């Protein structure tokens, strides 16, 4: 039972990672660069991460509205 839970959890993490990677590829590079420049101008450090990808995607979707 423990082993099947581990396998299911690893599968879920893999799906999330693939989805976040795909989400990143769907974002226009110029939008990503503007986002990074804006954060840098504010003195914030940009650390590429899953959370950053989701934040940029949310900002992009808001911008599309």
N, C-alpha and C. Protein backbone atom coordinates (compact mmCIF):
# COMPACT_ATOMS: atom_id res chain seq x y z
N UNK A 1 0.84 -1.20 0.00
CA UNK A 1 0.00 0.00 0.00
C UNK A 1 0.88 1.26 0.00
N UNK A 2 1.92 1.26 0.83
CA UNK A 2 2.81 2.40 0.91
C UNK A 2 3.50 2.64 -0.44
N UNK A 3 3.92 1.54 -1.07
CA UNK A 3 4.63 1.64 -2.34
C UNK A 3 3.70 2.18 -3.43
N UNK A 4 2.46 1.74 -3.46
CA UNK A 4 1.52 2.22 -4.49
C UNK A 4 1.23 3.71 -4.29
N UNK A 5 1.20 4.17 -3.04
CA UNK A 5 1.01 5.59 -2.76
C UNK A 5 2.20 6.39 -3.28
N UNK A 6 3.41 5.89 -3.05
CA UNK A 6 4.62 6.56 -3.53
C UNK A 6 4.60 6.68 -5.05
N UNK A 7 4.21 5.62 -5.71
CA UNK A 7 4.17 5.61 -7.18
C UNK A 7 3.11 6.59 -7.68
N UNK A 8 1.96 6.60 -7.05
CA UNK A 8 0.90 7.53 -7.46
C UNK A 8 1.33 8.97 -7.23
N UNK A 9 1.99 9.23 -6.13
CA UNK A 9 2.45 10.59 -5.82
C UNK A 9 3.53 11.04 -6.79
N UNK A 10 4.43 10.16 -7.15
CA UNK A 10 5.47 10.49 -8.14
C UNK A 10 4.82 10.78 -9.51
N UNK A 11 3.81 10.02 -9.86
CA UNK A 11 3.09 10.26 -11.11
C UNK A 11 2.42 11.63 -11.11
N UNK A 12 1.84 12.00 -9.99
CA UNK A 12 1.20 13.32 -9.88
C UNK A 12 2.24 14.44 -10.01
N UNK A 13 3.38 14.28 -9.33
CA UNK A 13 4.44 15.29 -9.44
C UNK A 13 4.96 15.40 -10.87
N UNK A 14 5.13 14.28 -11.52
CA UNK A 14 5.60 14.29 -12.91
C UNK A 14 4.61 15.03 -13.81
N UNK A 15 3.34 14.76 -13.64
CA UNK A 15 2.31 15.45 -14.44
C UNK A 15 2.35 16.96 -14.20
N UNK A 16 2.49 17.37 -12.94
CA UNK A 16 2.57 18.79 -12.62
C UNK A 16 3.80 19.42 -13.27
N UNK A 17 4.94 18.75 -13.18
CA UNK A 17 6.17 19.29 -13.76
C UNK A 17 6.05 19.44 -15.27
N UNK A 18 5.49 18.45 -15.93
CA UNK A 18 5.32 18.52 -17.39
C UNK A 18 4.36 19.65 -17.74
N UNK A 19 3.27 19.79 -17.00
CA UNK A 19 2.30 20.85 -17.27
C UNK A 19 2.91 22.23 -17.08
N UNK A 20 3.71 22.41 -16.05
CA UNK A 20 4.34 23.71 -15.80
C UNK A 20 5.38 24.01 -16.88
N UNK A 21 6.12 23.00 -17.30
CA UNK A 21 7.09 23.20 -18.39
C UNK A 21 6.37 23.61 -19.67
N UNK A 22 5.26 22.96 -19.96
CA UNK A 22 4.50 23.30 -21.16
C UNK A 22 3.93 24.71 -21.05
N UNK A 23 3.43 25.06 -19.88
CA UNK A 23 2.91 26.40 -19.66
C UNK A 23 3.98 27.45 -19.97
N UNK A 24 5.20 27.20 -19.52
CA UNK A 24 6.30 28.13 -19.77
C UNK A 24 6.54 28.28 -21.27
N UNK A 25 6.49 27.18 -22.02
CA UNK A 25 6.75 27.26 -23.46
C UNK A 25 5.65 28.01 -24.20
N UNK A 26 4.48 28.12 -23.61
CA UNK A 26 3.36 28.82 -24.24
C UNK A 26 3.43 30.33 -24.04
N UNK A 27 4.26 30.78 -23.10
CA UNK A 27 4.38 32.21 -22.83
C UNK A 27 5.30 32.87 -23.85
N UNK A 28 4.90 34.04 -24.38
CA UNK A 28 5.79 34.74 -25.31
C UNK A 28 7.07 35.19 -24.60
N UNK A 29 8.20 34.98 -25.27
CA UNK A 29 9.49 35.33 -24.66
C UNK A 29 9.59 36.82 -24.32
N UNK A 30 9.03 37.68 -25.16
CA UNK A 30 9.12 39.11 -24.86
C UNK A 30 8.36 39.44 -23.57
N UNK A 31 7.27 38.74 -23.31
CA UNK A 31 6.51 38.96 -22.07
C UNK A 31 7.33 38.50 -20.87
N UNK A 32 8.00 37.36 -20.99
CA UNK A 32 8.85 36.85 -19.91
C UNK A 32 9.97 37.83 -19.62
N UNK A 33 10.60 38.35 -20.69
CA UNK A 33 11.71 39.29 -20.51
C UNK A 33 11.23 40.58 -19.85
N UNK A 34 10.06 41.08 -20.27
CA UNK A 34 9.50 42.29 -19.64
C UNK A 34 9.22 42.04 -18.17
N UNK A 35 8.67 40.88 -17.85
CA UNK A 35 8.37 40.52 -16.46
C UNK A 35 9.66 40.50 -15.63
N UNK A 36 10.70 39.86 -16.18
CA UNK A 36 11.97 39.78 -15.47
C UNK A 36 12.58 41.16 -15.29
N UNK A 37 12.52 42.00 -16.33
CA UNK A 37 13.09 43.34 -16.25
C UNK A 37 12.35 44.18 -15.21
N UNK A 38 11.03 44.06 -15.19
CA UNK A 38 10.22 44.80 -14.22
C UNK A 38 10.60 44.43 -12.80
N UNK A 39 10.76 43.12 -12.55
CA UNK A 39 11.13 42.66 -11.20
C UNK A 39 12.54 43.14 -10.84
N UNK A 40 13.46 43.08 -11.81
CA UNK A 40 14.84 43.51 -11.56
C UNK A 40 14.88 45.00 -11.27
N UNK A 41 14.10 45.79 -12.01
CA UNK A 41 14.04 47.23 -11.78
C UNK A 41 13.56 47.56 -10.38
N UNK A 42 12.72 46.69 -9.82
CA UNK A 42 12.21 46.90 -8.47
C UNK A 42 13.17 46.36 -7.41
N UNK A 43 14.32 45.84 -7.87
CA UNK A 43 15.30 45.31 -6.93
C UNK A 43 15.02 43.90 -6.46
N UNK A 44 14.07 43.23 -7.13
CA UNK A 44 13.74 41.86 -6.73
C UNK A 44 14.63 40.87 -7.48
N UNK A 45 14.93 39.77 -6.85
CA UNK A 45 15.74 38.73 -7.46
C UNK A 45 14.80 37.72 -8.12
N UNK A 46 15.09 37.42 -9.37
CA UNK A 46 14.28 36.45 -10.09
C UNK A 46 14.96 35.08 -9.99
N UNK A 47 14.27 34.13 -9.40
CA UNK A 47 14.77 32.77 -9.33
C UNK A 47 13.83 31.92 -10.18
N UNK A 48 14.34 31.39 -11.30
CA UNK A 48 13.46 30.56 -12.13
C UNK A 48 12.91 29.39 -11.30
N UNK A 49 11.63 29.30 -11.25
CA UNK A 49 10.99 28.25 -10.46
C UNK A 49 9.60 27.97 -11.02
N UNK A 50 9.01 26.94 -10.50
CA UNK A 50 7.64 26.61 -10.90
C UNK A 50 6.70 27.73 -10.49
N UNK A 51 6.91 28.26 -9.31
CA UNK A 51 6.05 29.35 -8.82
C UNK A 51 6.17 30.58 -9.72
N UNK A 52 7.39 30.90 -10.16
CA UNK A 52 7.59 32.05 -11.05
C UNK A 52 6.87 31.82 -12.36
N UNK A 53 6.96 30.61 -12.89
CA UNK A 53 6.26 30.29 -14.14
C UNK A 53 4.77 30.51 -14.00
N UNK A 54 4.19 30.06 -12.91
CA UNK A 54 2.75 30.23 -12.70
C UNK A 54 2.41 31.71 -12.53
N UNK A 55 3.25 32.47 -11.81
CA UNK A 55 3.01 33.90 -11.63
C UNK A 55 3.05 34.63 -12.97
N UNK A 56 4.05 34.32 -13.80
CA UNK A 56 4.15 34.96 -15.11
C UNK A 56 2.95 34.60 -15.96
N UNK A 57 2.54 33.35 -15.92
CA UNK A 57 1.38 32.92 -16.70
C UNK A 57 0.11 33.65 -16.25
N UNK A 58 -0.06 33.83 -14.96
CA UNK A 58 -1.22 34.56 -14.44
C UNK A 58 -1.19 36.01 -14.91
N UNK A 59 -0.01 36.64 -14.82
CA UNK A 59 0.11 38.02 -15.30
C UNK A 59 -0.19 38.12 -16.78
N UNK A 60 0.28 37.16 -17.55
CA UNK A 60 0.03 37.17 -18.99
C UNK A 60 -1.46 37.03 -19.30
N UNK A 61 -2.13 36.14 -18.60
CA UNK A 61 -3.57 35.95 -18.80
C UNK A 61 -4.33 37.22 -18.44
N UNK A 62 -3.93 37.87 -17.33
CA UNK A 62 -4.55 39.15 -16.97
C UNK A 62 -4.32 40.19 -18.06
N UNK A 63 -3.10 40.22 -18.61
CA UNK A 63 -2.75 41.17 -19.66
C UNK A 63 -3.60 40.92 -20.90
N UNK A 64 -3.90 39.66 -21.19
CA UNK A 64 -4.72 39.33 -22.37
C UNK A 64 -6.16 39.84 -22.24
N UNK A 65 -6.63 39.95 -21.02
CA UNK A 65 -8.01 40.40 -20.81
C UNK A 65 -8.12 41.82 -21.25
